[in-house]
Amino acid sequence: MSYTNYTPNPIDTSDVQLSEDILELTELLARNTHEVWAAGRKAQGWTYGSERDDAQKKHPCLVEYEELSDDEKSYDRNTAMETLKCIIKLGYKIEKQ
């Protein structure tokens, strides 16, 4: 199998506009995305470290979501936002009950 020919082809969500309610959901999902990631790392034996060290399983992002840098939060927000846009693009509705 050749990995050099892989070209990412995500669903085009550029025409999807998210409502204010869904934008609020984006932040909640971004926070949860971080929590799921952190729980997984901790379960694998990772702990906080001021610099990432894969050999010693240390990571600077093993902190509460609010303590993450804006760049790290942006990564989680983008993941959540693109997931929500993809759900809508695929014809599903998201409603607050």
Protein backbone atom coordinates (compact mmCIF):
# COMPACT_ATOMS: atom_id res chain seq x y z
CA MET A 1 0.00 0.00 0.00
CA SER A 2 1.35 3.41 -0.95
CA TYR A 3 0.72 6.22 1.48
CA THR A 4 2.39 8.86 -0.66
CA ASN A 5 -0.60 9.03 -3.03
CA TYR A 6 -3.12 9.86 -0.30
CA THR A 7 -5.00 13.09 -0.94
CA PRO A 8 -7.44 14.21 1.78
CA ASN A 9 -10.93 14.86 0.42
CA PRO A 10 -13.21 16.12 3.20
CA ILE A 11 -16.86 16.94 2.52
CA ASP A 12 -17.11 20.57 1.36
CA THR A 13 -18.98 22.40 4.11
CA SER A 14 -18.07 25.92 3.00
CA ASP A 15 -21.71 26.72 2.18
CA VAL A 16 -23.06 25.66 5.59
CA GLN A 17 -23.93 28.49 7.96
CA LEU A 18 -24.35 27.63 11.64
CA SER A 19 -27.03 29.32 13.76
CA GLU A 20 -26.19 31.01 17.06
CA ASP A 21 -27.51 27.98 18.99
CA ILE A 22 -25.27 25.66 17.02
CA LEU A 23 -22.28 27.97 17.46
CA GLU A 24 -22.83 27.73 21.23
CA LEU A 25 -22.93 23.94 20.85
CA THR A 26 -19.60 24.15 19.03
CA GLU A 27 -17.89 25.49 22.15
CA LEU A 28 -19.44 22.78 24.33
CA LEU A 29 -18.31 20.11 21.89
CA ALA A 30 -14.82 21.64 21.67
CA ARG A 31 -14.52 21.45 25.46
CA ASN A 32 -15.74 17.84 25.41
CA THR A 33 -13.35 16.97 22.57
CA HIS A 34 -10.50 18.10 24.78
CA GLU A 35 -11.86 16.17 27.77
CA VAL A 36 -12.15 12.95 25.71
CA TRP A 37 -8.62 13.42 24.35
CA ALA A 38 -7.20 14.14 27.83
CA ALA A 39 -8.99 11.17 29.40
CA GLY A 40 -7.59 8.91 26.69
CA ARG A 41 -4.06 10.19 27.21
CA LYS A 42 -4.28 9.80 30.98
CA ALA A 43 -5.61 6.25 30.54
CA GLN A 44 -2.48 5.55 28.46
CA GLY A 45 -0.27 6.80 31.29
CA TRP A 46 0.40 10.34 30.06
CA THR A 47 0.85 13.16 32.57
CA TYR A 48 1.30 16.91 32.38
CA GLY A 49 4.68 18.22 31.29
CA SER A 50 5.67 21.77 30.34
CA GLU A 51 6.98 20.37 27.03
CA ARG A 52 5.81 17.40 25.02
CA ASP A 53 7.94 14.31 25.56
CA ASP A 54 6.59 11.18 23.87
CA ALA A 55 9.17 8.90 25.47
CA GLN A 56 8.18 9.99 28.98
CA LYS A 57 4.51 10.48 28.06
CA LYS A 58 4.44 14.15 29.07
CA HIS A 59 2.14 16.67 27.35
CA PRO A 60 1.58 20.40 28.01
CA CYS A 61 -2.09 20.21 26.98
CA LEU A 62 -3.09 17.93 29.84
CA VAL A 63 -4.75 20.87 31.56
CA GLU A 64 -8.33 22.12 31.85
CA TYR A 65 -9.81 23.43 28.60
CA GLU A 66 -9.84 27.00 29.93
CA GLU A 67 -6.06 26.84 30.44
CA LEU A 68 -5.31 25.84 26.83
CA SER A 69 -3.73 28.36 24.47
CA ASP A 70 -6.00 30.00 21.90
CA ASP A 71 -4.34 27.88 19.20
CA GLU A 72 -5.18 24.65 21.04
CA LYS A 73 -8.75 25.77 21.68
CA SER A 74 -9.04 26.72 18.02
CA TYR A 75 -8.03 23.18 16.99
CA ASP A 76 -10.79 21.69 19.17
CA ARG A 77 -13.34 24.28 18.00
CA ASN A 78 -12.55 23.63 14.35
CA THR A 79 -12.96 19.88 14.85
CA ALA A 80 -16.36 20.43 16.50
CA MET A 81 -17.50 23.03 13.97
CA GLU A 82 -16.55 20.97 10.93
CA THR A 83 -18.30 17.93 12.42
CA LEU A 84 -21.49 19.93 12.96
CA LYS A 85 -21.30 21.41 9.45
CA CYS A 86 -20.80 17.94 8.00
CA ILE A 87 -23.84 16.60 9.88
CA ILE A 88 -25.96 19.42 8.43
CA LYS A 89 -24.49 19.03 4.95
CA LEU A 90 -25.42 15.33 5.03
CA GLY A 91 -29.06 16.31 5.58
CA TYR A 92 -29.44 15.91 9.33
CA LYS A 93 -31.01 18.50 11.62
CA ILE A 94 -29.64 19.49 14.99
CA GLU A 95 -32.18 20.93 17.40
CA LYS A 96 -32.02 21.93 21.01
CA GLN A 97 -34.82 20.32 22.99
